[in-house]
PDB file of N, CA and C in Angstrom:
ATOM      1  N   MET A   1      17.219 -33.784 -37.699  1.00  0.00           N
ATOM      2  CA  MET A   1      15.999 -33.099 -37.331  1.00  0.00           C
ATOM      3  C   MET A   1      16.258 -31.598 -37.465  1.00  0.00           C
ATOM      4  N   PRO A   2      15.386 -30.844 -38.158  1.00  0.00           N
ATOM      5  CA  PRO A   2      15.616 -29.417 -38.336  1.00  0.00           C
ATOM      6  C   PRO A   2      15.355 -28.645 -37.016  1.00  0.00           C
ATOM      7  N   ILE A   3      16.070 -27.529 -36.869  1.00  0.00           N
ATOM      8  CA  ILE A   3      15.914 -26.680 -35.681  1.00  0.00           C
ATOM      9  C   ILE A   3      14.683 -25.782 -35.911  1.00  0.00           C
ATOM     10  N   ARG A   4      13.824 -25.745 -34.948  1.00  0.00           N
ATOM     11  CA  ARG A   4      12.616 -24.913 -35.047  1.00  0.00           C
ATOM     12  C   ARG A   4      12.762 -23.727 -34.122  1.00  0.00           C
ATOM     13  N   THR A   5      12.516 -22.554 -34.648  1.00  0.00           N
ATOM     14  CA  THR A   5      12.550 -21.360 -33.787  1.00  0.00           C
ATOM     15  C   THR A   5      11.115 -21.002 -33.382  1.00  0.00           C
ATOM     16  N   VAL A   6      10.984 -20.534 -32.208  1.00  0.00           N
ATOM     17  CA  VAL A   6       9.672 -20.151 -31.670  1.00  0.00           C
ATOM     18  C   VAL A   6       9.676 -18.638 -31.464  1.00  0.00           C
ATOM     19  N   LYS A   7       8.717 -17.992 -32.064  1.00  0.00           N
ATOM     20  CA  LYS A   7       8.607 -16.537 -31.901  1.00  0.00           C
ATOM     21  C   LYS A   7       7.916 -16.209 -30.592  1.00  0.00           C
ATOM     22  N   ALA A   8       8.448 -15.252 -29.853  1.00  0.00           N
ATOM     23  CA  ALA A   8       7.861 -14.858 -28.570  1.00  0.00           C
ATOM     24  C   ALA A   8       6.546 -14.162 -28.801  1.00  0.00           C
ATOM     25  N   ASP A   9       5.597 -14.395 -27.917  1.00  0.00           N
ATOM     26  CA  ASP A   9       4.304 -13.756 -27.998  1.00  0.00           C
ATOM     27  C   ASP A   9       4.414 -12.349 -27.412  1.00  0.00           C
ATOM     28  N   THR A  10       4.543 -11.346 -28.276  1.00  0.00           N
ATOM     29  CA  THR A  10       4.750  -9.981 -27.800  1.00  0.00           C
ATOM     30  C   THR A  10       3.495  -9.422 -27.157  1.00  0.00           C
ATOM     31  N   ASN A  11       2.302  -9.879 -27.569  1.00  0.00           N
ATOM     32  CA  ASN A  11       1.076  -9.409 -26.885  1.00  0.00           C
ATOM     33  C   ASN A  11       1.053  -9.849 -25.419  1.00  0.00           C
ATOM     34  N   SER A  12       1.496 -11.079 -25.184  1.00  0.00           N
ATOM     35  CA  SER A  12       1.538 -11.592 -23.807  1.00  0.00           C
ATOM     36  C   SER A  12       2.570 -10.793 -22.989  1.00  0.00           C
ATOM     37  N   GLU A  13       3.703 -10.495 -23.621  1.00  0.00           N
ATOM     38  CA  GLU A  13       4.728  -9.707 -22.915  1.00  0.00           C
ATOM     39  C   GLU A  13       4.217  -8.302 -22.608  1.00  0.00           C
ATOM     40  N   ARG A  14       3.485  -7.718 -23.542  1.00  0.00           N
ATOM     41  CA  ARG A  14       2.930  -6.371 -23.307  1.00  0.00           C
ATOM     42  C   ARG A  14       1.900  -6.406 -22.184  1.00  0.00           C
ATOM     43  N   ARG A  15       1.043  -7.431 -22.186  1.00  0.00           N
ATOM     44  CA  ARG A  15       0.064  -7.553 -21.126  1.00  0.00           C
ATOM     45  C   ARG A  15       0.715  -7.687 -19.767  1.00  0.00           C
ATOM     46  N   THR A  16       1.772  -8.503 -19.709  1.00  0.00           N
ATOM     47  CA  THR A  16       2.499  -8.689 -18.445  1.00  0.00           C
ATOM     48  C   THR A  16       3.124  -7.359 -18.020  1.00  0.00           C
ATOM     49  N   ALA A  17       3.670  -6.606 -18.968  1.00  0.00           N
ATOM     50  CA  ALA A  17       4.279  -5.333 -18.622  1.00  0.00           C
ATOM     51  C   ALA A  17       3.222  -4.352 -18.075  1.00  0.00           C
ATOM     52  N   VAL A  18       2.069  -4.349 -18.671  1.00  0.00           N
ATOM     53  CA  VAL A  18       0.995  -3.468 -18.225  1.00  0.00           C
ATOM     54  C   VAL A  18       0.535  -3.873 -16.819  1.00  0.00           C
ATOM     55  N   ILE A  19       0.413  -5.157 -16.620  1.00  0.00           N
ATOM     56  CA  ILE A  19      -0.036  -5.679 -15.313  1.00  0.00           C
ATOM     57  C   ILE A  19       1.009  -5.350 -14.256  1.00  0.00           C
ATOM     58  N   THR A  20       2.299  -5.575 -14.555  1.00  0.00           N
ATOM     59  CA  THR A  20       3.336  -5.308 -13.550  1.00  0.00           C
ATOM     60  C   THR A  20       3.437  -3.828 -13.264  1.00  0.00           C
ATOM     61  N   ASP A  21       3.263  -2.981 -14.296  1.00  0.00           N
ATOM     62  CA  ASP A  21       3.261  -1.553 -14.055  1.00  0.00           C
ATOM     63  C   ASP A  21       2.128  -1.104 -13.155  1.00  0.00           C
ATOM     64  N   GLU A  22       0.951  -1.676 -13.394  1.00  0.00           N
ATOM     65  CA  GLU A  22      -0.202  -1.355 -12.574  1.00  0.00           C
ATOM     66  C   GLU A  22      -0.026  -1.838 -11.142  1.00  0.00           C
ATOM     67  N   LEU A  23       0.491  -3.026 -10.982  1.00  0.00           N
ATOM     68  CA  LEU A  23       0.768  -3.547  -9.636  1.00  0.00           C
ATOM     69  C   LEU A  23       1.748  -2.673  -8.910  1.00  0.00           C
ATOM     70  N   ALA A  24       2.793  -2.254  -9.593  1.00  0.00           N
ATOM     71  CA  ALA A  24       3.819  -1.389  -8.976  1.00  0.00           C
ATOM     72  C   ALA A  24       3.225  -0.061  -8.568  1.00  0.00           C
ATOM     73  N   LEU A  25       2.364   0.498  -9.420  1.00  0.00           N
ATOM     74  CA  LEU A  25       1.718   1.762  -9.081  1.00  0.00           C
ATOM     75  C   LEU A  25       0.823   1.610  -7.857  1.00  0.00           C
ATOM     76  N   ASN A  26       0.058   0.517  -7.809  1.00  0.00           N
ATOM     77  CA  ASN A  26      -0.808   0.281  -6.648  1.00  0.00           C
ATOM     78  C   ASN A  26       0.030   0.066  -5.378  1.00  0.00           C
ATOM     79  N   ARG A  27       1.097  -0.697  -5.486  1.00  0.00           N
ATOM     80  CA  ARG A  27       1.958  -0.910  -4.324  1.00  0.00           C
ATOM     81  C   ARG A  27       2.534   0.421  -3.821  1.00  0.00           C
ATOM     82  N   ASP A  28       3.040   1.221  -4.744  1.00  0.00           N
ATOM     83  CA  ASP A  28       3.607   2.504  -4.352  1.00  0.00           C
ATOM     84  C   ASP A  28       2.564   3.436  -3.796  1.00  0.00           C
ATOM     85  N   GLY A  29       1.364   3.382  -4.331  1.00  0.00           N
ATOM     86  CA  GLY A  29       0.255   4.232  -3.817  1.00  0.00           C
ATOM     87  C   GLY A  29      -0.108   3.845  -2.395  1.00  0.00           C
ATOM     88  N   TRP A  30      -0.154   2.554  -2.079  1.00  0.00           N
ATOM     89  CA  TRP A  30      -0.505   2.126  -0.711  1.00  0.00           C
ATOM     90  C   TRP A  30       0.638   2.457   0.242  1.00  0.00           C
ATOM     91  N   LYS A  31       1.896   2.353  -0.221  1.00  0.00           N
ATOM     92  CA  LYS A  31       3.020   2.731   0.636  1.00  0.00           C
ATOM     93  C   LYS A  31       2.937   4.241   0.973  1.00  0.00           C
ATOM     94  N   ARG A  32       2.621   5.045  -0.042  1.00  0.00           N
ATOM     95  CA  ARG A  32       2.471   6.490   0.157  1.00  0.00           C
ATOM     96  C   ARG A  32       1.326   6.793   1.126  1.00  0.00           C
ATOM     97  N   ARG A  33       0.202   6.123   0.951  1.00  0.00           N
ATOM     98  CA  ARG A  33      -0.933   6.318   1.845  1.00  0.00           C
ATOM     99  C   ARG A  33      -0.571   5.955   3.284  1.00  0.00           C
ATOM    100  N   ALA A  34       0.155   4.855   3.435  1.00  0.00           N
ATOM    101  CA  ALA A  34       0.558   4.427   4.778  1.00  0.00           C
ATOM    102  C   ALA A  34       1.426   5.494   5.444  1.00  0.00           C
ATOM    103  N   ASP A  35       2.364   6.039   4.667  1.00  0.00           N
ATOM    104  CA  ASP A  35       3.234   7.082   5.200  1.00  0.00           C
ATOM    105  C   ASP A  35       2.427   8.327   5.574  1.00  0.00           C
ATOM    106  N   GLU A  36       1.486   8.697   4.723  1.00  0.00           N
ATOM    107  CA  GLU A  36       0.626   9.882   5.001  1.00  0.00           C
ATOM    108  C   GLU A  36      -0.217   9.651   6.251  1.00  0.00           C
ATOM    109  N   LEU A  37      -0.734   8.451   6.426  1.00  0.00           N
ATOM    110  CA  LEU A  37      -1.537   8.128   7.597  1.00  0.00           C
ATOM    111  C   LEU A  37      -0.675   8.152   8.865  1.00  0.00           C
ATOM    112  N   ARG A  38       0.518   7.614   8.777  1.00  0.00           N
ATOM    113  CA  ARG A  38       1.431   7.676   9.949  1.00  0.00           C
ATOM    114  C   ARG A  38       1.746   9.106  10.320  1.00  0.00           C
ATOM    115  N   SER A  39       1.977   9.939   9.322  1.00  0.00           N
ATOM    116  CA  SER A  39       2.250  11.366   9.576  1.00  0.00           C
ATOM    117  C   SER A  39       1.057  12.023  10.226  1.00  0.00           C
ATOM    118  N   LEU A  40      -0.147  11.731   9.758  1.00  0.00           N
ATOM    119  CA  LEU A  40      -1.358  12.306  10.308  1.00  0.00           C
ATOM    120  C   LEU A  40      -1.541  11.854  11.765  1.00  0.00           C
ATOM    121  N   ALA A  41      -1.297  10.559  12.036  1.00  0.00           N
ATOM    122  CA  ALA A  41      -1.410  10.063  13.408  1.00  0.00           C
ATOM    123  C   ALA A  41      -0.437  10.757  14.323  1.00  0.00           C
ATOM    124  N   GLN A  42       0.772  10.970  13.819  1.00  0.00           N
ATOM    125  CA  GLN A  42       1.784  11.638  14.637  1.00  0.00           C
ATOM    126  C   GLN A  42       1.392  13.094  14.905  1.00  0.00           C
ATOM    127  N   THR A  43       0.842  13.751  13.925  1.00  0.00           N
ATOM    128  CA  THR A  43       0.381  15.131  14.097  1.00  0.00           C
ATOM    129  C   THR A  43      -0.737  15.207  15.100  1.00  0.00           C
ATOM    130  N   CYS A  44      -1.648  14.244  15.096  1.00  0.00           N
ATOM    131  CA  CYS A  44      -2.719  14.212  16.091  1.00  0.00           C
ATOM    132  C   CYS A  44      -2.177  14.094  17.495  1.00  0.00           C
ATOM    133  N   ARG A  45      -1.084  13.294  17.650  1.00  0.00           N
ATOM    134  CA  ARG A  45      -0.503  13.122  18.958  1.00  0.00           C
ATOM    135  C   ARG A  45       0.193  14.368  19.481  1.00  0.00           C
ATOM    136  N   LYS A  46       0.634  15.206  18.540  1.00  0.00           N
ATOM    137  CA  LYS A  46       1.372  16.406  18.909  1.00  0.00           C
ATOM    138  C   LYS A  46       0.464  17.591  19.316  1.00  0.00           C
ATOM    139  N   VAL A  47      -0.789  17.522  18.951  1.00  0.00           N
ATOM    140  CA  VAL A  47      -1.703  18.629  19.266  1.00  0.00           C
ATOM    141  C   VAL A  47      -1.888  18.669  20.787  1.00  0.00           C
ATOM    142  N   GLU A  48      -1.679  19.838  21.320  1.00  0.00           N
ATOM    143  CA  GLU A  48      -1.818  19.999  22.782  1.00  0.00           C
ATOM    144  C   GLU A  48      -3.161  20.641  23.094  1.00  0.00           C
ATOM    145  N   GLY A  49      -3.853  20.030  23.986  1.00  0.00           N
ATOM    146  CA  GLY A  49      -5.136  20.602  24.437  1.00  0.00           C
ATOM    147  C   GLY A  49      -4.843  21.668  25.487  1.00  0.00           C
ATOM    148  N   TRP A  50      -5.887  22.167  26.032  1.00  0.00           N
ATOM    149  CA  TRP A  50      -5.714  23.173  27.071  1.00  0.00           C
ATOM    150  C   TRP A  50      -6.366  22.668  28.363  1.00  0.00           C
ATOM    151  N   ASP A  51      -6.082  23.328  29.441  1.00  0.00           N
ATOM    152  CA  ASP A  51      -6.546  22.858  30.738  1.00  0.00           C
ATOM    153  C   ASP A  51      -8.000  23.294  30.984  1.00  0.00           C
ATOM    154  N   SER A  52      -8.884  22.514  30.406  1.00  0.00           N
ATOM    155  CA  SER A  52     -10.310  22.730  30.627  1.00  0.00           C
ATOM    156  C   SER A  52     -10.985  21.418  30.208  1.00  0.00           C
ATOM    157  N   PRO A  53     -12.248  21.265  30.555  1.00  0.00           N
ATOM    158  CA  PRO A  53     -12.934  20.018  30.131  1.00  0.00           C
ATOM    159  C   PRO A  53     -12.922  19.847  28.621  1.00  0.00           C
ATOM    160  N   ALA A  54     -13.156  20.913  27.882  1.00  0.00           N
ATOM    161  CA  ALA A  54     -13.156  20.817  26.417  1.00  0.00           C
ATOM    162  C   ALA A  54     -11.763  20.480  25.885  1.00  0.00           C
ATOM    163  N   GLY A  55     -10.755  21.084  26.478  1.00  0.00           N
ATOM    164  CA  GLY A  55      -9.350  20.812  26.054  1.00  0.00           C
ATOM    165  C   GLY A  55      -8.951  19.373  26.323  1.00  0.00           C
ATOM    166  N   ARG A  56      -9.341  18.882  27.479  1.00  0.00           N
ATOM    167  CA  ARG A  56      -9.012  17.470  27.805  1.00  0.00           C
ATOM    168  C   ARG A  56      -9.796  16.508  26.900  1.00  0.00           C
ATOM    169  N   MET A  57     -11.038  16.870  26.581  1.00  0.00           N
ATOM    170  CA  MET A  57     -11.815  16.033  25.677  1.00  0.00           C
ATOM    171  C   MET A  57     -11.203  16.018  24.265  1.00  0.00           C
ATOM    172  N   LEU A  58     -10.731  17.206  23.831  1.00  0.00           N
ATOM    173  CA  LEU A  58     -10.067  17.262  22.530  1.00  0.00           C
ATOM    174  C   LEU A  58      -8.850  16.370  22.483  1.00  0.00           C
ATOM    175  N   THR A  59      -8.021  16.487  23.526  1.00  0.00           N
ATOM    176  CA  THR A  59      -6.788  15.682  23.584  1.00  0.00           C
ATOM    177  C   THR A  59      -7.150  14.193  23.566  1.00  0.00           C
ATOM    178  N   ASP A  60      -8.162  13.794  24.331  1.00  0.00           N
ATOM    179  CA  ASP A  60      -8.565  12.408  24.381  1.00  0.00           C
ATOM    180  C   ASP A  60      -9.049  11.919  23.030  1.00  0.00           C
ATOM    181  N   ARG A  61      -9.863  12.721  22.380  1.00  0.00           N
ATOM    182  CA  ARG A  61     -10.389  12.342  21.045  1.00  0.00           C
ATOM    183  C   ARG A  61      -9.270  12.254  20.021  1.00  0.00           C
ATOM    184  N   LEU A  62      -8.339  13.186  20.073  1.00  0.00           N
ATOM    185  CA  LEU A  62      -7.215  13.148  19.112  1.00  0.00           C
ATOM    186  C   LEU A  62      -6.347  11.921  19.324  1.00  0.00           C
ATOM    187  N   LEU A  63      -6.143  11.517  20.550  1.00  0.00           N
ATOM    188  CA  LEU A  63      -5.365  10.299  20.814  1.00  0.00           C
ATOM    189  C   LEU A  63      -6.112   9.061  20.310  1.00  0.00           C
ATOM    190  N   THR A  64      -7.418   9.045  20.505  1.00  0.00           N
ATOM    191  CA  THR A  64      -8.199   7.940  19.980  1.00  0.00           C
ATOM    192  C   THR A  64      -8.136   7.882  18.470  1.00  0.00           C
ATOM    193  N   CYS A  65      -8.294   9.045  17.845  1.00  0.00           N
ATOM    194  CA  CYS A  65      -8.174   9.125  16.381  1.00  0.00           C
ATOM    195  C   CYS A  65      -6.796   8.688  15.913  1.00  0.00           C
ATOM    196  N   SER A  66      -5.784   9.107  16.635  1.00  0.00           N
ATOM    197  CA  SER A  66      -4.426   8.733  16.276  1.00  0.00           C
ATOM    198  C   SER A  66      -4.221   7.235  16.295  1.00  0.00           C
ATOM    199  N   ASP A  67      -4.754   6.583  17.304  1.00  0.00           N
ATOM    200  CA  ASP A  67      -4.634   5.100  17.362  1.00  0.00           C
ATOM    201  C   ASP A  67      -5.341   4.447  16.165  1.00  0.00           C
ATOM    202  N   SER A  68      -6.525   4.952  15.835  1.00  0.00           N
ATOM    203  CA  SER A  68      -7.281   4.381  14.696  1.00  0.00           C
ATOM    204  C   SER A  68      -6.556   4.628  13.385  1.00  0.00           C
ATOM    205  N   ILE A  69      -5.997   5.819  13.238  1.00  0.00           N
ATOM    206  CA  ILE A  69      -5.259   6.175  12.024  1.00  0.00           C
ATOM    207  C   ILE A  69      -4.003   5.284  11.907  1.00  0.00           C
ATOM    208  N   SER A  70      -3.357   4.989  13.039  1.00  0.00           N
ATOM    209  CA  SER A  70      -2.176   4.110  13.014  1.00  0.00           C
ATOM    210  C   SER A  70      -2.551   2.733  12.522  1.00  0.00           C
ATOM    211  N   ILE A  71      -3.724   2.236  12.948  1.00  0.00           N
ATOM    212  CA  ILE A  71      -4.195   0.929  12.497  1.00  0.00           C
ATOM    213  C   ILE A  71      -4.437   0.940  10.995  1.00  0.00           C
ATOM    214  N   LEU A  72      -5.018   2.030  10.487  1.00  0.00           N
ATOM    215  CA  LEU A  72      -5.214   2.152   9.060  1.00  0.00           C
ATOM    216  C   LEU A  72      -3.908   2.153   8.292  1.00  0.00           C
ATOM    217  N   ALA A  73      -2.888   2.818   8.880  1.00  0.00           N
ATOM    218  CA  ALA A  73      -1.555   2.835   8.256  1.00  0.00           C
ATOM    219  C   ALA A  73      -0.959   1.419   8.164  1.00  0.00           C
ATOM    220  N   GLU A  74      -1.141   0.637   9.232  1.00  0.00           N
ATOM    221  CA  GLU A  74      -0.674  -0.749   9.215  1.00  0.00           C
ATOM    222  C   GLU A  74      -1.373  -1.563   8.123  1.00  0.00           C
ATOM    223  N   ARG A  75      -2.661  -1.346   7.973  1.00  0.00           N
ATOM    224  CA  ARG A  75      -3.400  -2.068   6.941  1.00  0.00           C
ATOM    225  C   ARG A  75      -2.962  -1.633   5.550  1.00  0.00           C
ATOM    226  N   ALA A  76      -2.686  -0.357   5.370  1.00  0.00           N
ATOM    227  CA  ALA A  76      -2.174   0.130   4.108  1.00  0.00           C
ATOM    228  C   ALA A  76      -0.811  -0.512   3.799  1.00  0.00           C
ATOM    229  N   ASP A  77       0.025  -0.650   4.830  1.00  0.00           N
ATOM    230  CA  ASP A  77       1.324  -1.333   4.639  1.00  0.00           C
ATOM    231  C   ASP A  77       1.104  -2.783   4.184  1.00  0.00           C
ATOM    232  N   LYS A  78       0.127  -3.454   4.768  1.00  0.00           N
ATOM    233  CA  LYS A  78      -0.168  -4.852   4.412  1.00  0.00           C
ATOM    234  C   LYS A  78      -0.676  -4.958   2.970  1.00  0.00           C
ATOM    235  N   LEU A  79      -1.456  -3.980   2.564  1.00  0.00           N
ATOM    236  CA  LEU A  79      -1.921  -3.964   1.170  1.00  0.00           C
ATOM    237  C   LEU A  79      -0.738  -3.745   0.213  1.00  0.00           C
ATOM    238  N   ALA A  80       0.163  -2.831   0.567  1.00  0.00           N
ATOM    239  CA  ALA A  80       1.355  -2.595  -0.244  1.00  0.00           C
ATOM    240  C   ALA A  80       2.185  -3.873  -0.344  1.00  0.00           C
ATOM    241  N   GLU A  81       2.297  -4.564   0.781  1.00  0.00           N
ATOM    242  CA  GLU A  81       3.078  -5.820   0.799  1.00  0.00           C
ATOM    243  C   GLU A  81       2.384  -6.885  -0.101  1.00  0.00           C
ATOM    244  N   ALA A  82       1.068  -6.945  -0.046  1.00  0.00           N
ATOM    245  CA  ALA A  82       0.316  -7.881  -0.905  1.00  0.00           C
ATOM    246  C   ALA A  82       0.528  -7.560  -2.370  1.00  0.00           C
ATOM    247  N   TYR A  83       0.459  -6.288  -2.727  1.00  0.00           N
ATOM    248  CA  TYR A  83       0.709  -5.917  -4.117  1.00  0.00           C
ATOM    249  C   TYR A  83       2.145  -6.255  -4.521  1.00  0.00           C
ATOM    250  N   ASP A  84       3.087  -6.066  -3.608  1.00  0.00           N
ATOM    251  CA  ASP A  84       4.477  -6.380  -3.929  1.00  0.00           C
ATOM    252  C   ASP A  84       4.664  -7.868  -4.157  1.00  0.00           C
ATOM    253  N   LEU A  85       4.030  -8.682  -3.312  1.00  0.00           N
ATOM    254  CA  LEU A  85       4.100 -10.130  -3.474  1.00  0.00           C
ATOM    255  C   LEU A  85       3.478 -10.560  -4.807  1.00  0.00           C
ATOM    256  N   HIS A  86       2.316  -9.991  -5.128  1.00  0.00           N
ATOM    257  CA  HIS A  86       1.656 -10.314  -6.380  1.00  0.00           C
ATOM    258  C   HIS A  86       2.543  -9.894  -7.557  1.00  0.00           C
ATOM    259  N   LEU A  87       3.171  -8.745  -7.446  1.00  0.00           N
ATOM    260  CA  LEU A  87       4.065  -8.259  -8.486  1.00  0.00           C
ATOM    261  C   LEU A  87       5.206  -9.223  -8.687  1.00  0.00           C
ATOM    262  N   GLN A  88       5.781  -9.721  -7.626  1.00  0.00           N
ATOM    263  CA  GLN A  88       6.895 -10.687  -7.717  1.00  0.00           C
ATOM    264  C   GLN A  88       6.450 -11.959  -8.422  1.00  0.00           C
ATOM    265  N   VAL A  89       5.252 -12.423  -8.108  1.00  0.00           N
ATOM    266  CA  VAL A  89       4.735 -13.658  -8.710  1.00  0.00           C
ATOM    267  C   VAL A  89       4.479 -13.450 -10.185  1.00  0.00           C
ATOM    268  N   VAL A  90       3.842 -12.327 -10.535  1.00  0.00           N
ATOM    269  CA  VAL A  90       3.529 -12.078 -11.942  1.00  0.00           C
ATOM    270  C   VAL A  90       4.800 -11.822 -12.745  1.00  0.00           C
ATOM    271  N   SER A  91       5.775 -11.210 -12.129  1.00  0.00           N
ATOM    272  CA  SER A  91       7.030 -10.909 -12.821  1.00  0.00           C
ATOM    273  C   SER A  91       7.756 -12.169 -13.293  1.00  0.00           C
ATOM    274  N   VAL A  92       7.542 -13.270 -12.601  1.00  0.00           N
ATOM    275  CA  VAL A  92       8.195 -14.494 -13.006  1.00  0.00           C
ATOM    276  C   VAL A  92       7.235 -15.426 -13.770  1.00  0.00           C
ATOM    277  N   GLY A  93       6.090 -14.872 -14.138  1.00  0.00           N
ATOM    278  CA  GLY A  93       5.147 -15.623 -14.982  1.00  0.00           C
ATOM    279  C   GLY A  93       4.125 -16.449 -14.221  1.00  0.00           C
ATOM    280  N   GLY A  94       4.060 -16.283 -12.927  1.00  0.00           N
ATOM    281  CA  GLY A  94       3.098 -17.035 -12.138  1.00  0.00           C
ATOM    282  C   GLY A  94       1.758 -16.359 -12.029  1.00  0.00           C
ATOM    283  N   ARG A  95       0.839 -17.023 -11.397  1.00  0.00           N
ATOM    284  CA  ARG A  95      -0.498 -16.473 -11.174  1.00  0.00           C
ATOM    285  C   ARG A  95      -0.911 -16.758  -9.749  1.00  0.00           C
ATOM    286  N   ILE A  96      -1.690 -15.847  -9.218  1.00  0.00           N
ATOM    287  CA  ILE A  96      -2.252 -16.014  -7.858  1.00  0.00           C
ATOM    288  C   ILE A  96      -3.734 -16.275  -8.021  1.00  0.00           C
ATOM    289  N   GLN A  97      -4.207 -17.343  -7.421  1.00  0.00           N
ATOM    290  CA  GLN A  97      -5.648 -17.600  -7.432  1.00  0.00           C
ATOM    291  C   GLN A  97      -6.176 -17.394  -6.033  1.00  0.00           C
ATOM    292  N   ILE A  98      -7.227 -16.618  -5.938  1.00  0.00           N
ATOM    293  CA  ILE A  98      -7.816 -16.325  -4.646  1.00  0.00           C
ATOM    294  C   ILE A  98      -9.080 -17.106  -4.472  1.00  0.00           C
TER     295      ILE A  98
END
């Protein structure tokens, strides 16, 4: 029986490379956003109000904002993790169906 060689589908390989590059960019973007949000939340916590009703209100509002921003950072981390997982699946030739 003769040996048959199979030529690799370079279009498919290029598509996979483009997809993995895009997934990696998205993952890195969400990681960067999460870090920026954490930094912003920390900055909000560091702002010192002054001893007056307005100053105490400012401090209270900044702490509330800081908590909300921290939650957004956690969600950005989860998105980065999801992109990373998808990237791992696509890198080995798999597909994710939602």
